[in-house]
Amino acid sequence: MAQNVVINPAAQQAAAQLAQQILANTNVTLKQEIVKIPEFFGEKLKDTVTAQEFMLRIDECQVSNDWNDVTTFANFRLCLRGEAEEWLSSTVRHLKLTPAQKTWTRIRPLFKREFATTSDDKLIVDGLANLSHRHGENPRKFFSRLEKLCNVLHENFASYRIKPTRPAQLPDGHYSEDALTQYANDSVEAYNQFLFTQIFKAAAPENVRKLLSHKDQTRLTVDEAYQTFFTEHRVEQDKRQPTALTVHAVEEQQVHEATNVDPNVAAFQPQRQHQQQYRANNRGNWTRGQNNNRGNNNNNKSSQSQGNNASRNGKFCIYCKILNHTQEECRKRINDKKPCVNGKGQLYWPKINNIDTQNAQAANSDPNSEVGSVFQFRAL
């Protein structure tokens, strides 16, 4: 037998309200919201998103789920793992934060400085160093890339601490037009200096960029960046300077040794140097002869044969420094009317004819005769 069920509308409405209240007091909704945020370890091999993307997820969940600052911090903490979780615990203990001070607004810049500063620097450096349109890049990707770069610059400037001070208020609580104009101009100048610093850092050499990355980016100025570059450049120049000094010292040592050579040894040095130069010239002539055309073969053969004859007889004139004859036979010495000199610098007479001997004796008996007339040698 069917029974008629009577539903009281007021009781049904009260039950619905009770269910909504129970649902609001449970963690079911919280767990569903937390699933939207990935875990963050602070390690590249384990993280599925970058620190910058992780921060954006937290910001989006805060807006979409209507979290307050304390609730956002609590949900942020539940998503941390490994090194990131240890960092947050030590930071909270170091700063001695009370429960009311554990907020997302307070911890967000610290998290960014610890995990996302490097990624921001890389985006800025790579973006400013590669502003031009890339091959095969459509206008949509080109626009999106530049817009992302500008947003990163804007966000970094928001945390930049070198900014103009706010103008003083008038007694009625307003600002004067001159003060507002000056503040606006100073703000533009501050952003200009910030942008100049970022461009300078992006265009600097890689070793300078590494040095600048270790500095406080919230207070880095273009003057400090320039001084870092200048100091690094001076260090590199100083490293190269000792090499140049060493080469100069070696050259001075060689000159000093050359000026203090034993005279007995110095007599043989021109001959050895000339022979080395002669061998080098012969090697150069032989190489050039191999590369010339067939029309120059005869000239090469004649020059090689002369060089071979000169090297076979072993004669060398220490007066004119030319091979293939001795100083006794040297026409240049005979024309200059100079005597022969041995390796010790002593004069000695060359072989002469009897007639030349008599003439030489007669010349020696005449005190008014010139010394040069004594050396009348046999012309060969």
Protein backbone atom coordinates (compact mmCIF):
# COMPACT_ATOMS: atom_id res chain seq x y z
CA MET A 1 0.00 0.00 0.00
CA ALA A 2 1.59 3.27 -1.13
CA GLN A 3 2.20 5.93 1.44
CA ASN A 4 2.18 9.62 0.76
CA VAL A 5 5.36 11.35 1.99
CA VAL A 6 4.85 14.90 3.03
CA ILE A 7 7.96 17.10 2.70
CA ASN A 8 8.11 20.17 4.80
CA PRO A 9 9.69 22.96 2.69
CA ALA A 10 10.99 24.72 5.76
CA ALA A 11 12.73 21.57 7.01
CA GLN A 12 14.21 20.93 3.56
CA GLN A 13 15.65 24.40 3.43
CA ALA A 14 17.09 24.05 6.93
CA ALA A 15 18.71 20.74 5.97
CA ALA A 16 20.29 22.33 2.90
CA GLN A 17 21.70 25.15 4.95
CA LEU A 18 23.09 22.68 7.49
CA ALA A 19 24.77 20.70 4.70
CA GLN A 20 26.40 23.82 3.30
CA GLN A 21 27.63 24.78 6.74
CA ILE A 22 29.09 21.33 7.33
CA LEU A 23 30.73 21.41 3.91
CA ALA A 24 32.24 24.80 4.65
CA ASN A 25 33.74 23.54 7.92
CA THR A 26 35.38 20.46 6.36
CA ASN A 27 38.69 20.14 4.46
CA VAL A 28 37.14 18.69 1.32
CA THR A 29 37.19 21.99 -0.54
CA LEU A 30 40.68 22.77 0.76
CA LYS A 31 42.04 19.47 -0.58
CA GLN A 32 40.51 20.11 -3.97
CA GLU A 33 42.10 23.56 -4.06
CA ILE A 34 45.49 22.32 -2.93
CA VAL A 35 45.60 19.81 -5.79
CA LYS A 36 45.83 22.72 -8.23
CA ILE A 37 49.25 23.70 -6.82
CA PRO A 38 52.15 21.34 -7.61
CA GLU A 39 54.72 20.34 -5.04
CA PHE A 40 57.91 22.41 -4.92
CA PHE A 41 61.26 20.93 -3.79
CA GLY A 42 63.65 23.73 -4.72
CA GLU A 43 65.63 21.28 -6.88
CA LYS A 44 65.71 21.37 -10.66
CA LEU A 45 65.61 17.60 -11.08
CA LYS A 46 62.50 17.20 -8.93
CA ASP A 47 60.44 20.32 -9.64
CA THR A 48 57.89 20.21 -12.46
CA VAL A 49 57.56 24.01 -12.52
CA THR A 50 59.98 26.87 -11.97
CA ALA A 51 59.93 28.98 -8.83
CA GLN A 52 58.42 31.85 -10.79
CA GLU A 53 55.59 29.68 -12.10
CA PHE A 54 55.02 28.25 -8.61
CA MET A 55 54.59 31.76 -7.21
CA LEU A 56 52.10 32.63 -9.95
CA ARG A 57 50.08 29.51 -9.09
CA ILE A 58 49.90 30.60 -5.45
CA ASP A 59 48.81 34.11 -6.48
CA GLU A 60 46.09 32.74 -8.79
CA CYS A 61 44.76 30.37 -6.13
CA GLN A 62 44.67 33.19 -3.62
CA VAL A 63 42.48 35.27 -5.93
CA SER A 64 40.25 32.48 -7.29
CA ASN A 65 39.64 30.84 -3.89
CA ASP A 66 39.38 34.11 -1.98
CA TRP A 67 42.10 33.16 0.51
CA ASN A 68 43.32 35.68 3.03
CA ASP A 69 47.03 36.29 3.60
CA VAL A 70 47.35 33.78 6.46
CA THR A 71 45.44 31.03 4.63
CA THR A 72 47.57 31.54 1.52
CA PHE A 73 50.75 31.12 3.61
CA ALA A 74 49.35 27.91 5.15
CA ASN A 75 48.49 26.44 1.75
CA PHE A 76 51.85 27.54 0.38
CA ARG A 77 53.61 25.76 3.23
CA LEU A 78 51.70 22.51 2.59
CA CYS A 79 53.07 22.41 -0.98
CA LEU A 80 56.75 22.65 -0.02
CA ARG A 81 58.95 19.55 0.10
CA GLY A 82 62.59 18.74 0.81
CA GLU A 83 65.02 21.65 0.77
CA ALA A 84 62.25 24.21 0.20
CA GLU A 85 60.40 23.05 3.31
CA GLU A 86 63.58 23.15 5.37
CA TRP A 87 64.32 26.66 4.10
CA LEU A 88 60.87 27.91 5.13
CA SER A 89 61.12 26.36 8.61
CA SER A 90 64.55 27.87 9.25
CA THR A 91 63.40 31.26 7.92
CA VAL A 92 60.37 31.31 10.21
CA ARG A 93 62.56 30.38 13.20
CA HIS A 94 65.23 32.94 12.30
CA LEU A 95 62.75 35.80 11.86
CA LYS A 96 60.76 34.63 14.91
CA LEU A 97 57.46 35.11 13.13
CA THR A 98 54.31 34.97 15.18
CA PRO A 99 51.21 33.17 13.80
CA ALA A 100 49.77 36.53 12.76
CA GLN A 101 53.02 37.39 10.93
CA LYS A 102 53.11 34.17 8.91
CA THR A 103 51.59 35.68 5.79
CA TRP A 104 52.13 35.20 2.08
CA THR A 105 52.85 38.91 1.63
CA ARG A 106 55.75 38.72 4.10
CA ILE A 107 57.26 35.45 2.85
CA ARG A 108 56.78 35.94 -0.90
CA PRO A 109 59.77 38.31 -1.52
CA LEU A 110 62.00 36.09 0.61
CA PHE A 111 60.97 33.02 -1.38
CA LYS A 112 61.58 34.86 -4.64
CA ARG A 113 65.03 36.02 -3.56
CA GLU A 114 65.94 32.47 -2.53
CA PHE A 115 64.58 30.47 -5.46
CA ALA A 116 63.38 32.75 -8.27
CA THR A 117 66.02 35.49 -8.53
CA THR A 118 68.23 33.40 -10.79
CA SER A 119 65.37 32.64 -13.13
CA ASP A 120 64.44 36.33 -13.25
CA ASP A 121 68.01 37.31 -14.01
CA LYS A 122 68.19 34.72 -16.76
CA LEU A 123 64.93 35.96 -18.30
CA ILE A 124 66.14 39.56 -18.20
CA VAL A 125 69.64 38.83 -19.51
CA ASP A 126 68.47 36.48 -22.27
CA GLY A 127 65.56 38.76 -23.16
CA LEU A 128 67.61 41.95 -23.42
CA ALA A 129 70.45 40.19 -25.24
CA ASN A 130 68.05 38.73 -27.84
CA LEU A 131 65.44 41.40 -28.48
CA SER A 132 65.37 41.08 -32.26
CA HIS A 133 62.84 38.92 -34.07
CA ARG A 134 63.97 35.33 -34.34
CA HIS A 135 63.92 33.31 -37.52
CA GLY A 136 60.63 31.44 -37.88
CA GLU A 137 59.01 33.25 -34.95
CA ASN A 138 55.45 34.37 -35.68
CA PRO A 139 54.18 37.79 -34.51
CA ARG A 140 52.17 36.27 -31.67
CA LYS A 141 55.20 34.55 -30.11
CA PHE A 142 57.36 37.62 -30.72
CA PHE A 143 54.86 39.88 -28.96
CA SER A 144 54.38 37.43 -26.10
CA ARG A 145 58.13 37.12 -25.54
CA LEU A 146 58.65 40.88 -25.33
CA GLU A 147 55.56 41.34 -23.15
CA LYS A 148 56.84 38.70 -20.74
CA LEU A 149 60.21 40.43 -20.57
CA CYS A 150 58.57 43.77 -19.78
CA ASN A 151 56.48 42.17 -17.03
CA VAL A 152 59.58 40.65 -15.45
CA LEU A 153 61.32 44.04 -15.56
CA HIS A 154 58.26 45.71 -14.04
CA GLU A 155 58.06 43.14 -11.26
CA ASN A 156 61.75 43.48 -10.47
CA PHE A 157 61.47 47.24 -10.39
CA ALA A 158 58.63 46.90 -7.89
CA SER A 159 61.09 45.30 -5.45
CA TYR A 160 63.88 47.74 -6.38
CA ARG A 161 64.77 49.80 -3.32
CA ILE A 162 66.55 52.75 -4.91
CA LYS A 163 63.55 54.97 -5.54
CA PRO A 164 62.68 58.60 -4.82
CA THR A 165 61.10 59.47 -1.51
CA ARG A 166 57.45 60.39 -1.41
CA PRO A 167 56.72 64.12 -1.41
CA ALA A 168 55.74 65.80 1.83
CA GLN A 169 52.07 66.48 2.36
CA LEU A 170 50.64 69.91 2.87
CA PRO A 171 48.77 70.74 6.11
CA ASP A 172 45.48 70.02 4.39
CA GLY A 173 46.67 66.51 3.43
CA HIS A 174 47.23 67.25 -0.26
CA TYR A 175 50.43 67.57 -2.32
CA SER A 176 51.65 70.60 -4.19
CA GLU A 177 51.87 70.49 -7.97
CA ASP A 178 55.61 71.09 -7.92
CA ALA A 179 56.17 68.24 -5.47
CA LEU A 180 54.10 65.82 -7.55
CA THR A 181 55.89 66.86 -10.74
CA GLN A 182 59.28 66.40 -9.12
CA TYR A 183 58.27 63.01 -7.72
CA ALA A 184 57.06 61.88 -11.14
CA ASN A 185 60.31 62.98 -12.80
CA ASP A 186 62.39 61.29 -10.12
CA SER A 187 60.38 58.08 -10.55
CA VAL A 188 61.03 58.10 -14.31
CA GLU A 189 64.74 58.70 -13.67
CA ALA A 190 64.83 55.84 -11.14
CA TYR A 191 63.29 53.43 -13.65
CA ASN A 192 65.69 54.70 -16.33
CA GLN A 193 68.67 53.91 -14.10
CA PHE A 194 67.20 50.52 -13.25
CA LEU A 195 66.72 49.70 -16.94
CA PHE A 196 70.21 50.97 -17.80
CA THR A 197 71.65 48.67 -15.13
CA GLN A 198 69.79 45.66 -16.54
CA ILE A 199 70.91 46.43 -20.10
CA PHE A 200 74.52 46.91 -18.97
CA LYS A 201 74.41 43.59 -17.12
CA ALA A 202 72.89 41.78 -20.11
CA ALA A 203 75.50 43.16 -22.53
CA ALA A 204 78.52 42.59 -20.25
CA PRO A 205 80.85 39.59 -20.72
CA GLU A 206 79.89 36.33 -19.11
CA ASN A 207 82.49 36.53 -16.33
CA VAL A 208 81.19 39.98 -15.35
CA ARG A 209 77.57 38.77 -15.37
CA LYS A 210 78.53 36.00 -12.96
CA LEU A 211 80.06 38.53 -10.58
CA LEU A 212 77.04 40.82 -10.81
CA SER A 213 74.62 37.96 -10.15
CA HIS A 214 76.05 37.58 -6.62
CA LYS A 215 75.22 41.17 -5.69
CA ASP A 216 71.98 42.44 -4.18
CA GLN A 217 69.78 42.98 -7.24
CA THR A 218 67.40 45.22 -5.32
CA ARG A 219 70.19 47.78 -4.80
CA LEU A 220 72.44 47.23 -7.80
CA THR A 221 73.24 50.46 -9.67
CA VAL A 222 74.85 51.00 -13.04
CA ASP A 223 77.83 52.67 -11.34
CA GLU A 224 78.43 49.58 -9.20
CA ALA A 225 78.07 47.35 -12.25
CA TYR A 226 80.59 49.48 -14.14
CA GLN A 227 83.09 49.39 -11.26
CA THR A 228 82.77 45.60 -11.15
CA PHE A 229 83.45 45.39 -14.88
CA PHE A 230 86.38 47.83 -14.63
CA THR A 231 87.96 45.93 -11.72
CA GLU A 232 87.64 42.59 -13.51
CA HIS A 233 89.13 44.10 -16.66
CA ARG A 234 92.08 45.52 -14.70
CA VAL A 235 92.70 42.13 -13.07
CA GLU A 236 92.81 40.49 -16.49
CA GLN A 237 95.28 43.12 -17.70
CA ASP A 238 97.48 42.56 -14.64
CA LYS A 239 97.54 38.83 -15.35
CA ARG A 240 98.89 39.49 -18.85
CA GLN A 241 101.44 42.11 -17.73
CA PRO A 242 103.98 39.71 -16.10
CA THR A 243 104.24 37.81 -19.38
CA ALA A 244 105.23 40.95 -21.25
CA LEU A 245 107.73 41.87 -18.52
CA THR A 246 109.24 38.40 -18.66
CA VAL A 247 109.74 38.63 -22.42
CA HIS A 248 111.33 42.06 -22.00
CA ALA A 249 113.63 40.74 -19.27
CA VAL A 250 114.70 37.82 -21.47
CA GLU A 251 115.52 40.21 -24.29
CA GLU A 252 117.59 42.38 -21.94
CA GLN A 253 119.39 39.29 -20.66
CA GLN A 254 120.22 38.23 -24.23
CA VAL A 255 121.59 41.70 -25.01
CA HIS A 256 123.64 41.64 -21.79
CA GLU A 257 125.08 38.22 -22.64
CA ALA A 258 125.89 39.35 -26.18
CA THR A 259 127.84 42.37 -24.93
CA ASN A 260 129.85 40.31 -22.43
CA VAL A 261 130.98 37.49 -24.72
CA ASP A 262 134.55 36.24 -24.59
CA PRO A 263 136.55 37.73 -27.53
CA ASN A 264 137.89 34.30 -28.46
CA VAL A 265 134.30 33.04 -28.75
CA ALA A 266 132.99 36.17 -30.44
CA ALA A 267 135.33 35.66 -33.40
CA PHE A 268 133.42 32.52 -34.33
CA GLN A 269 129.89 33.83 -33.70
CA PRO A 270 129.52 35.80 -36.99
CA GLN A 271 130.59 32.72 -38.90
CA ARG A 272 128.08 30.50 -37.08
CA GLN A 273 125.27 33.05 -37.48
CA HIS A 274 126.06 33.49 -41.16
CA GLN A 275 126.09 29.76 -41.74
CA GLN A 276 122.74 29.39 -39.99
CA GLN A 277 121.28 32.20 -42.07
CA TYR A 278 122.74 30.68 -45.21
CA ARG A 279 121.17 27.30 -44.45
CA ALA A 280 117.80 28.98 -43.78
CA ASN A 281 118.03 30.84 -47.08
CA ASN A 282 118.87 27.64 -48.92
CA ARG A 283 115.85 25.92 -47.35
CA GLY A 284 113.65 28.87 -48.35
CA ASN A 285 115.00 28.85 -51.89
CA TRP A 286 114.40 25.11 -52.16
CA THR A 287 110.79 25.50 -50.91
CA ARG A 288 110.08 28.37 -53.27
CA GLY A 289 111.62 26.40 -56.12
CA GLN A 290 109.19 23.56 -55.47
CA ASN A 291 106.19 25.93 -55.69
CA ASN A 292 107.31 27.82 -58.83
CA ASN A 293 106.26 26.84 -62.33
CA ARG A 294 108.31 24.75 -64.72
CA GLY A 295 109.79 27.82 -66.40
CA ASN A 296 111.89 28.58 -63.29
CA ASN A 297 113.31 25.06 -62.86
CA ASN A 298 116.63 25.91 -64.53
CA ASN A 299 117.21 28.88 -62.24
CA ASN A 300 116.43 26.76 -59.20
CA LYS A 301 118.86 24.06 -60.28
CA SER A 302 121.66 26.57 -60.82
CA SER A 303 121.07 28.21 -57.42
CA GLN A 304 121.00 24.81 -55.73
CA SER A 305 124.22 23.75 -57.45
CA GLN A 306 125.96 26.94 -56.33
CA GLY A 307 124.81 26.38 -52.80
CA ASN A 308 126.04 22.80 -52.90
CA ASN A 309 129.48 23.85 -54.22
CA ALA A 310 129.74 26.52 -51.51
CA SER A 311 128.86 24.07 -48.81
CA ARG A 312 131.34 21.47 -50.11
CA ASN A 313 134.53 23.61 -50.16
CA GLY A 314 134.02 24.77 -46.52
CA LYS A 315 135.57 28.22 -47.13
CA PHE A 316 134.31 31.26 -45.30
CA CYS A 317 135.70 34.79 -45.25
CA ILE A 318 135.56 36.33 -41.80
CA TYR A 319 136.15 39.77 -43.34
CA CYS A 320 133.18 40.09 -45.71
CA LYS A 321 131.19 37.19 -44.17
CA ILE A 322 130.70 35.43 -47.52
CA LEU A 323 131.27 31.75 -48.27
CA ASN A 324 133.37 30.14 -51.02
CA HIS A 325 136.64 32.03 -50.26
CA THR A 326 138.92 32.99 -47.39
CA GLN A 327 140.06 36.39 -46.17
CA GLU A 328 143.47 35.89 -47.86
CA GLU A 329 141.61 35.72 -51.18
CA CYS A 330 138.98 38.34 -50.35
CA ARG A 331 138.91 41.04 -53.04
CA LYS A 332 136.99 43.38 -50.78
CA ARG A 333 139.73 43.21 -48.14
CA ILE A 334 142.43 43.71 -50.78
CA ASN A 335 140.63 46.73 -52.23
CA ASP A 336 140.15 48.14 -48.71
CA LYS A 337 143.89 47.54 -48.07
CA LYS A 338 143.24 45.81 -44.76
CA PRO A 339 145.39 43.11 -43.16
CA CYS A 340 144.27 39.60 -42.27
CA VAL A 341 143.11 38.94 -38.69
CA ASN A 342 142.92 35.58 -36.93
CA GLY A 343 140.23 34.38 -34.50
CA LYS A 344 141.99 36.07 -31.56
CA GLY A 345 142.03 39.44 -33.24
CA GLN A 346 145.81 39.28 -34.01
CA LEU A 347 147.18 40.52 -37.34
CA TYR A 348 149.14 38.19 -39.55
CA TRP A 349 150.57 38.50 -43.05
CA PRO A 350 149.07 36.57 -45.94
CA LYS A 351 151.16 34.76 -48.50
CA ILE A 352 152.83 37.26 -50.88
CA ASN A 353 155.26 37.07 -53.84
CA ASN A 354 158.93 37.89 -53.58
CA ILE A 355 158.42 41.06 -55.57
CA ASP A 356 155.70 42.09 -53.24
CA THR A 357 158.04 41.39 -50.31
CA GLN A 358 160.72 43.65 -51.71
CA ASN A 359 158.22 46.37 -52.39
CA ALA A 360 156.88 46.00 -48.90
CA GLN A 361 160.37 46.27 -47.42
CA ALA A 362 161.12 49.36 -49.45
CA ALA A 363 157.89 50.87 -48.39
CA ASN A 364 158.63 50.11 -44.76
CA SER A 365 162.02 51.88 -45.02
CA ASP A 366 160.28 55.08 -46.12
CA PRO A 367 158.76 56.68 -43.00
CA ASN A 368 156.64 59.01 -45.08
CA SER A 369 154.93 56.28 -47.00
CA GLU A 370 151.36 55.39 -46.16
CA VAL A 371 150.66 52.30 -44.12
CA GLY A 372 148.10 51.20 -46.67
CA SER A 373 150.78 50.82 -49.40
CA VAL A 374 152.46 48.03 -47.41
CA PHE A 375 149.62 45.64 -48.06
CA GLN A 376 150.08 45.00 -51.76
CA PHE A 377 148.89 41.47 -52.08
CA ARG A 378 148.66 39.08 -54.89
CA ALA A 379 145.52 39.57 -56.94
CA LEU A 380 143.74 36.28 -57.53
